[in-house]
Amino acid sequence: MFGGIDTHQIKVRKPATQGEIVKSKIADAISLETQPVAQLWEDERPDDATVFKPGKWGCIMWLMAAAAKGRTAACDRETFGCFGGGVGVGFGEQYLNFPGGEECFTRFLSSGNASSEKGRAVAEAVKPYMTEETHEEFLEGERYLKDPERARAFIDQLPITDIPARWVVFKPLSAILEGAEPQVVTFFARPHQLAALIVLANYDAPTVENVISPFAAGCQAAGIIAYREAAANSPRAVMGLIDISARLQVKKSLGDDIFSISLPWKLFMRMESNVEESFLMRPTWRALIS
């Protein structure tokens, strides 16, 4: 069980007011087609941020994809779009607010609510507010885990976090200034690029398991799991977008063959410092991407 994160030990990052924009040597070296996405905790929403309407459904991965395409996006406790997204970016245990609470959520994630008297009753109550497809999925389940007990164990292992700031802000890395310190930087990478990022994450490490790929929602891999790593002495990179639902949500905007890899800021800076002496400057890598 991972447990929560002591957010008192993590500073809220204040927007930078001076300095040069941050440029990524990694992004240049791997020919990244989109922007690395900087994820910041801030007390004020940027004026130009794309935000979901309060109470309206939306996928956090849409906001991250928008930032990868050059726009600033943000969410708070009223605009995180879906309950899993609220959990994913650090707004506490939002599964408690899922229709029918955690009991119905664990069935939704696994075998469905149709076999449960409570689940059927909740499904009937919320039917007017759901699409036909969503209602069917509530009853029959996403089937990502075998049964509600395994789904319960999944929740128990999440590093559920309540961040000490109002807003989670997603910015293209080129939109932040030197002196700012995002919590996490996420790359949306194709397979060759992902391989390079995994190798670079291990380049100067004393161990060989410096990238993890946990079972998690797309926003959780880029959010609370990466937050947990950021608080570690030796933070690891977190590979994501193995989430089938999240992949469907970003298929049109980012493409079929994209995965995410999220780097706690300290790890990102270390990897940046290693680019010029690494394999990224050698013929094998250049031949692979040519």
Protein backbone atom coordinates (compact mmCIF):
# COMPACT_ATOMS: atom_id res chain seq x y z
CA MET A 1 0.00 0.00 0.00
CA PHE A 2 1.47 3.32 -1.03
CA GLY A 3 -0.40 5.55 1.42
CA GLY A 4 -0.79 9.31 1.12
CA ILE A 5 1.79 12.02 0.63
CA ASP A 6 2.72 14.53 3.30
CA THR A 7 1.90 17.65 1.31
CA HIS A 8 3.24 19.84 4.10
CA GLN A 9 6.68 18.87 2.82
CA ILE A 10 5.91 20.03 -0.73
CA LYS A 11 5.89 23.70 -1.62
CA VAL A 12 3.26 25.36 -3.74
CA ARG A 13 5.13 26.70 -6.75
CA LYS A 14 4.65 30.40 -7.36
CA PRO A 15 4.55 31.66 -10.97
CA ALA A 16 7.88 33.02 -12.12
CA THR A 17 8.02 36.73 -12.90
CA GLN A 18 11.38 37.01 -14.63
CA GLY A 19 13.99 35.03 -16.50
CA GLU A 20 14.28 33.21 -19.80
CA ILE A 21 11.74 30.65 -20.93
CA VAL A 22 12.53 27.03 -20.17
CA LYS A 23 13.67 25.02 -23.18
CA SER A 24 14.08 21.26 -23.21
CA LYS A 25 17.21 19.70 -24.64
CA ILE A 26 15.48 16.33 -24.34
CA ALA A 27 12.55 17.41 -26.50
CA ASP A 28 14.92 18.64 -29.20
CA ALA A 29 17.10 15.55 -29.08
CA ILE A 30 14.20 13.10 -29.43
CA SER A 31 12.36 15.24 -32.04
CA LEU A 32 9.26 15.50 -29.87
CA GLU A 33 6.30 16.68 -31.96
CA THR A 34 4.41 18.22 -29.04
CA GLN A 35 5.42 20.32 -26.05
CA PRO A 36 6.49 18.74 -22.76
CA VAL A 37 3.71 19.56 -20.29
CA ALA A 38 4.66 21.31 -17.04
CA GLN A 39 2.27 20.62 -14.18
CA LEU A 40 2.21 23.28 -11.46
CA TRP A 41 0.27 23.84 -8.24
CA GLU A 42 -0.85 27.44 -8.03
CA ASP A 43 -3.22 29.49 -5.89
CA GLU A 44 -4.50 31.54 -8.83
CA ARG A 45 -5.73 30.46 -12.24
CA PRO A 46 -3.87 31.91 -15.23
CA ASP A 47 -6.12 34.29 -17.15
CA ASP A 48 -5.65 32.42 -20.41
CA ALA A 49 -6.28 28.94 -19.03
CA THR A 50 -8.74 26.52 -20.61
CA VAL A 51 -11.04 25.26 -17.83
CA PHE A 52 -14.02 22.89 -17.71
CA LYS A 53 -17.32 24.36 -16.56
CA PRO A 54 -18.12 23.53 -12.89
CA GLY A 55 -19.97 20.25 -12.60
CA LYS A 56 -19.47 19.31 -16.26
CA TRP A 57 -17.83 16.05 -17.28
CA GLY A 58 -14.42 16.21 -18.90
CA CYS A 59 -11.19 14.22 -19.06
CA ILE A 60 -8.05 15.61 -17.45
CA MET A 61 -6.11 14.15 -20.35
CA TRP A 62 -7.87 16.64 -22.66
CA LEU A 63 -6.33 19.44 -20.58
CA MET A 64 -2.88 17.85 -20.75
CA ALA A 65 -3.23 17.31 -24.49
CA ALA A 66 -4.18 20.98 -24.88
CA ALA A 67 -1.00 21.98 -23.03
CA ALA A 68 1.04 19.64 -25.23
CA LYS A 69 -0.41 21.52 -28.22
CA GLY A 70 0.63 24.89 -26.78
CA ARG A 71 -2.30 26.08 -24.64
CA THR A 72 -2.49 26.64 -20.89
CA ALA A 73 -5.17 24.64 -19.05
CA ALA A 74 -6.18 24.30 -15.41
CA CYS A 75 -8.59 22.65 -12.98
CA ASP A 76 -9.62 23.04 -9.36
CA ARG A 77 -11.93 21.18 -6.99
CA GLU A 78 -14.99 22.35 -8.91
CA THR A 79 -13.70 21.81 -12.44
CA PHE A 80 -11.74 18.56 -12.52
CA GLY A 81 -14.18 16.94 -14.91
CA CYS A 82 -14.56 13.42 -13.50
CA PHE A 83 -14.13 11.71 -10.16
CA GLY A 84 -11.07 9.75 -11.26
CA GLY A 85 -9.56 12.98 -12.54
CA GLY A 86 -10.13 14.66 -9.20
CA VAL A 87 -8.28 11.81 -7.54
CA GLY A 88 -5.64 11.82 -10.27
CA VAL A 89 -4.47 15.42 -9.91
CA GLY A 90 -4.61 15.54 -6.12
CA PHE A 91 -8.01 16.75 -4.97
CA GLY A 92 -8.50 14.03 -2.36
CA GLU A 93 -10.62 10.89 -2.32
CA GLN A 94 -13.20 11.84 -4.95
CA TYR A 95 -14.40 8.26 -5.40
CA LEU A 96 -16.48 8.86 -2.28
CA ASN A 97 -18.55 11.26 -4.42
CA PHE A 98 -19.07 8.81 -7.28
CA PRO A 99 -22.77 7.88 -7.70
CA GLY A 100 -23.31 5.22 -5.06
CA GLY A 101 -19.93 5.94 -3.45
CA GLU A 102 -16.90 3.69 -3.52
CA GLU A 103 -19.06 0.56 -3.51
CA CYS A 104 -20.56 1.42 -6.88
CA PHE A 105 -17.24 2.71 -8.20
CA THR A 106 -15.47 -0.58 -7.48
CA ARG A 107 -18.24 -2.38 -9.35
CA PHE A 108 -18.08 0.14 -12.21
CA LEU A 109 -14.31 -0.41 -12.58
CA SER A 110 -14.75 -4.17 -12.53
CA SER A 111 -17.77 -6.42 -13.06
CA GLY A 112 -20.52 -3.79 -13.08
CA ASN A 113 -23.44 -2.71 -10.94
CA ALA A 114 -26.16 -4.80 -12.60
CA SER A 115 -25.68 -7.65 -10.09
CA SER A 116 -26.09 -5.34 -7.09
CA GLU A 117 -29.47 -4.17 -5.77
CA LYS A 118 -27.92 -0.89 -4.66
CA GLY A 119 -26.11 -0.55 -7.99
CA ARG A 120 -29.30 -1.07 -9.98
CA ALA A 121 -31.13 1.50 -7.85
CA VAL A 122 -28.36 4.08 -8.28
CA ALA A 123 -28.23 3.38 -12.02
CA GLU A 124 -31.96 4.08 -12.31
CA ALA A 125 -31.64 7.30 -10.29
CA VAL A 126 -28.81 8.70 -12.42
CA LYS A 127 -30.07 7.44 -15.77
CA PRO A 128 -31.59 10.82 -16.77
CA TYR A 129 -28.17 12.45 -16.35
CA MET A 130 -26.16 9.87 -18.32
CA THR A 131 -25.72 9.03 -21.95
CA GLU A 132 -27.00 5.61 -22.98
CA GLU A 133 -23.42 4.40 -23.36
CA THR A 134 -22.36 5.66 -19.91
CA HIS A 135 -25.44 4.13 -18.28
CA GLU A 136 -24.72 0.77 -19.90
CA GLU A 137 -21.11 0.93 -18.70
CA PHE A 138 -22.22 1.80 -15.16
CA LEU A 139 -24.35 -1.34 -15.13
CA GLU A 140 -22.00 -3.70 -16.98
CA GLY A 141 -18.67 -2.32 -15.78
CA GLU A 142 -15.47 -1.24 -17.50
CA ARG A 143 -13.99 -4.70 -16.72
CA TYR A 144 -10.48 -3.35 -16.13
CA LEU A 145 -10.26 -5.44 -12.96
CA LYS A 146 -11.72 -8.89 -12.30
CA ASP A 147 -13.99 -8.06 -9.36
CA PRO A 148 -14.90 -5.32 -6.84
CA GLU A 149 -12.45 -6.72 -4.29
CA ARG A 150 -9.54 -6.14 -6.65
CA ALA A 151 -10.89 -2.69 -7.44
CA ARG A 152 -11.01 -1.94 -3.72
CA ALA A 153 -7.37 -3.03 -3.41
CA PHE A 154 -6.52 -0.70 -6.32
CA ILE A 155 -8.00 2.30 -4.46
CA ASP A 156 -6.18 1.32 -1.27
CA GLN A 157 -2.85 1.35 -3.13
CA LEU A 158 -3.28 4.77 -4.72
CA PRO A 159 -1.23 7.56 -3.07
CA ILE A 160 -4.36 9.67 -2.65
CA THR A 161 -3.31 13.25 -2.08
CA ASP A 162 -4.95 16.57 -1.20
CA ILE A 163 -2.63 19.20 -2.64
CA PRO A 164 -1.98 22.46 -0.74
CA ALA A 165 -3.12 24.73 -3.58
CA ARG A 166 -6.36 25.57 -5.34
CA TRP A 167 -5.33 25.02 -8.96
CA VAL A 168 -3.46 22.39 -10.91
CA VAL A 169 -2.14 24.20 -13.99
CA PHE A 170 -0.91 22.52 -17.17
CA LYS A 171 1.40 24.60 -19.32
CA PRO A 172 3.57 23.90 -22.33
CA LEU A 173 7.10 23.88 -20.97
CA SER A 174 7.99 26.81 -23.23
CA ALA A 175 5.41 28.93 -21.38
CA ILE A 176 7.17 28.79 -18.01
CA LEU A 177 10.13 30.90 -17.04
CA GLU A 178 13.43 29.92 -15.47
CA GLY A 179 12.96 29.95 -11.73
CA ALA A 180 9.59 28.24 -11.84
CA GLU A 181 9.60 24.66 -10.54
CA PRO A 182 6.76 22.47 -11.80
CA GLN A 183 5.87 19.41 -9.79
CA VAL A 184 6.07 17.19 -12.87
CA VAL A 185 6.95 17.40 -16.57
CA THR A 186 5.11 14.98 -18.86
CA PHE A 187 6.23 13.96 -22.34
CA PHE A 188 3.76 12.46 -24.82
CA ALA A 189 6.04 10.17 -26.76
CA ARG A 190 5.98 7.71 -29.63
CA PRO A 191 7.61 4.28 -29.06
CA HIS A 192 11.17 5.21 -30.15
CA GLN A 193 10.97 8.44 -28.13
CA LEU A 194 9.61 6.57 -25.11
CA ALA A 195 12.48 4.10 -25.33
CA ALA A 196 14.95 7.02 -25.35
CA LEU A 197 13.33 8.61 -22.30
CA ILE A 198 13.45 5.31 -20.39
CA VAL A 199 17.14 4.85 -21.24
CA LEU A 200 17.93 8.45 -20.25
CA ALA A 201 16.09 8.06 -16.93
CA ASN A 202 18.49 5.20 -16.13
CA TYR A 203 21.60 6.85 -17.63
CA ASP A 204 23.24 8.06 -14.42
CA ALA A 205 21.32 5.99 -11.88
CA PRO A 206 22.98 3.41 -9.60
CA THR A 207 20.05 1.02 -10.13
CA VAL A 208 18.23 -0.27 -13.22
CA GLU A 209 14.56 0.17 -12.25
CA ASN A 210 14.11 3.92 -12.52
CA VAL A 211 10.93 3.89 -14.59
CA ILE A 212 7.66 2.41 -13.37
CA SER A 213 4.48 1.62 -15.31
CA PRO A 214 1.75 1.14 -12.71
CA PHE A 215 -1.83 0.13 -13.36
CA ALA A 216 -3.51 3.53 -13.09
CA ALA A 217 -5.69 6.04 -14.86
CA GLY A 218 -3.82 8.27 -17.30
CA CYS A 219 -4.18 11.30 -15.03
CA GLN A 220 -3.08 9.32 -11.98
CA ALA A 221 0.16 8.20 -13.61
CA ALA A 222 0.92 11.82 -14.55
CA GLY A 223 -0.48 13.20 -11.29
CA ILE A 224 -0.53 11.60 -7.83
CA ILE A 225 1.84 8.74 -8.64
CA ALA A 226 4.36 11.18 -10.09
CA TYR A 227 3.76 13.46 -7.05
CA ARG A 228 4.69 10.54 -4.81
CA GLU A 229 7.87 10.01 -6.78
CA ALA A 230 8.67 13.73 -6.55
CA ALA A 231 8.71 13.42 -2.76
CA ALA A 232 11.18 10.50 -2.87
CA ASN A 233 14.93 10.80 -2.44
CA SER A 234 15.46 9.10 -5.80
CA PRO A 235 12.39 9.87 -7.89
CA ARG A 236 11.48 7.54 -10.73
CA ALA A 237 9.84 8.33 -14.04
CA VAL A 238 6.25 7.16 -14.41
CA MET A 239 5.11 5.69 -17.71
CA GLY A 240 1.41 6.16 -18.42
CA LEU A 241 -1.39 6.14 -20.96
CA ILE A 242 -1.76 2.41 -20.59
CA ASP A 243 -5.28 3.41 -19.49
CA ILE A 244 -7.53 2.24 -22.35
CA SER A 245 -10.21 4.85 -21.66
CA ALA A 246 -7.66 7.68 -21.55
CA ARG A 247 -6.09 6.45 -24.79
CA LEU A 248 -9.49 6.69 -26.46
CA GLN A 249 -9.95 10.23 -25.14
CA VAL A 250 -6.68 11.52 -26.64
CA LYS A 251 -6.61 9.37 -29.77
CA LYS A 252 -7.79 12.18 -32.05
CA SER A 253 -5.63 14.92 -30.55
CA LEU A 254 -2.37 13.07 -29.92
CA GLY A 255 -2.52 9.96 -32.10
CA ASP A 256 -2.72 6.18 -31.83
CA ASP A 257 0.85 5.36 -30.85
CA ILE A 258 1.42 7.80 -27.97
CA PHE A 259 2.36 6.99 -24.39
CA SER A 260 3.13 9.37 -21.56
CA ILE A 261 6.14 9.47 -19.32
CA SER A 262 6.06 11.83 -16.35
CA LEU A 263 9.23 13.13 -14.74
CA PRO A 264 9.34 14.71 -11.30
CA TRP A 265 11.06 18.08 -11.67
CA LYS A 266 14.28 16.98 -9.96
CA LEU A 267 14.58 14.00 -12.29
CA PHE A 268 13.71 16.10 -15.34
CA MET A 269 16.51 18.56 -14.56
CA ARG A 270 18.99 15.74 -14.03
CA MET A 271 18.05 14.14 -17.33
CA GLU A 272 18.32 17.49 -19.12
CA SER A 273 21.88 17.88 -17.83
CA ASN A 274 22.86 14.52 -19.31
CA VAL A 275 21.59 14.97 -22.86
CA GLU A 276 24.75 16.30 -24.52
CA GLU A 277 27.03 13.50 -23.32
CA SER A 278 24.51 10.68 -23.78
CA PHE A 279 23.49 8.25 -26.53
CA LEU A 280 21.16 10.97 -27.87
CA MET A 281 24.18 12.50 -29.61
CA ARG A 282 25.36 9.20 -31.13
CA PRO A 283 24.79 7.64 -34.58
CA THR A 284 22.64 4.74 -33.35
CA TRP A 285 19.95 7.04 -32.01
CA ARG A 286 20.09 9.31 -35.04
CA ALA A 287 19.77 6.34 -37.37
CA LEU A 288 16.76 5.04 -35.43
CA ILE A 289 14.77 8.26 -35.79
CA SER A 290 15.86 9.16 -39.31
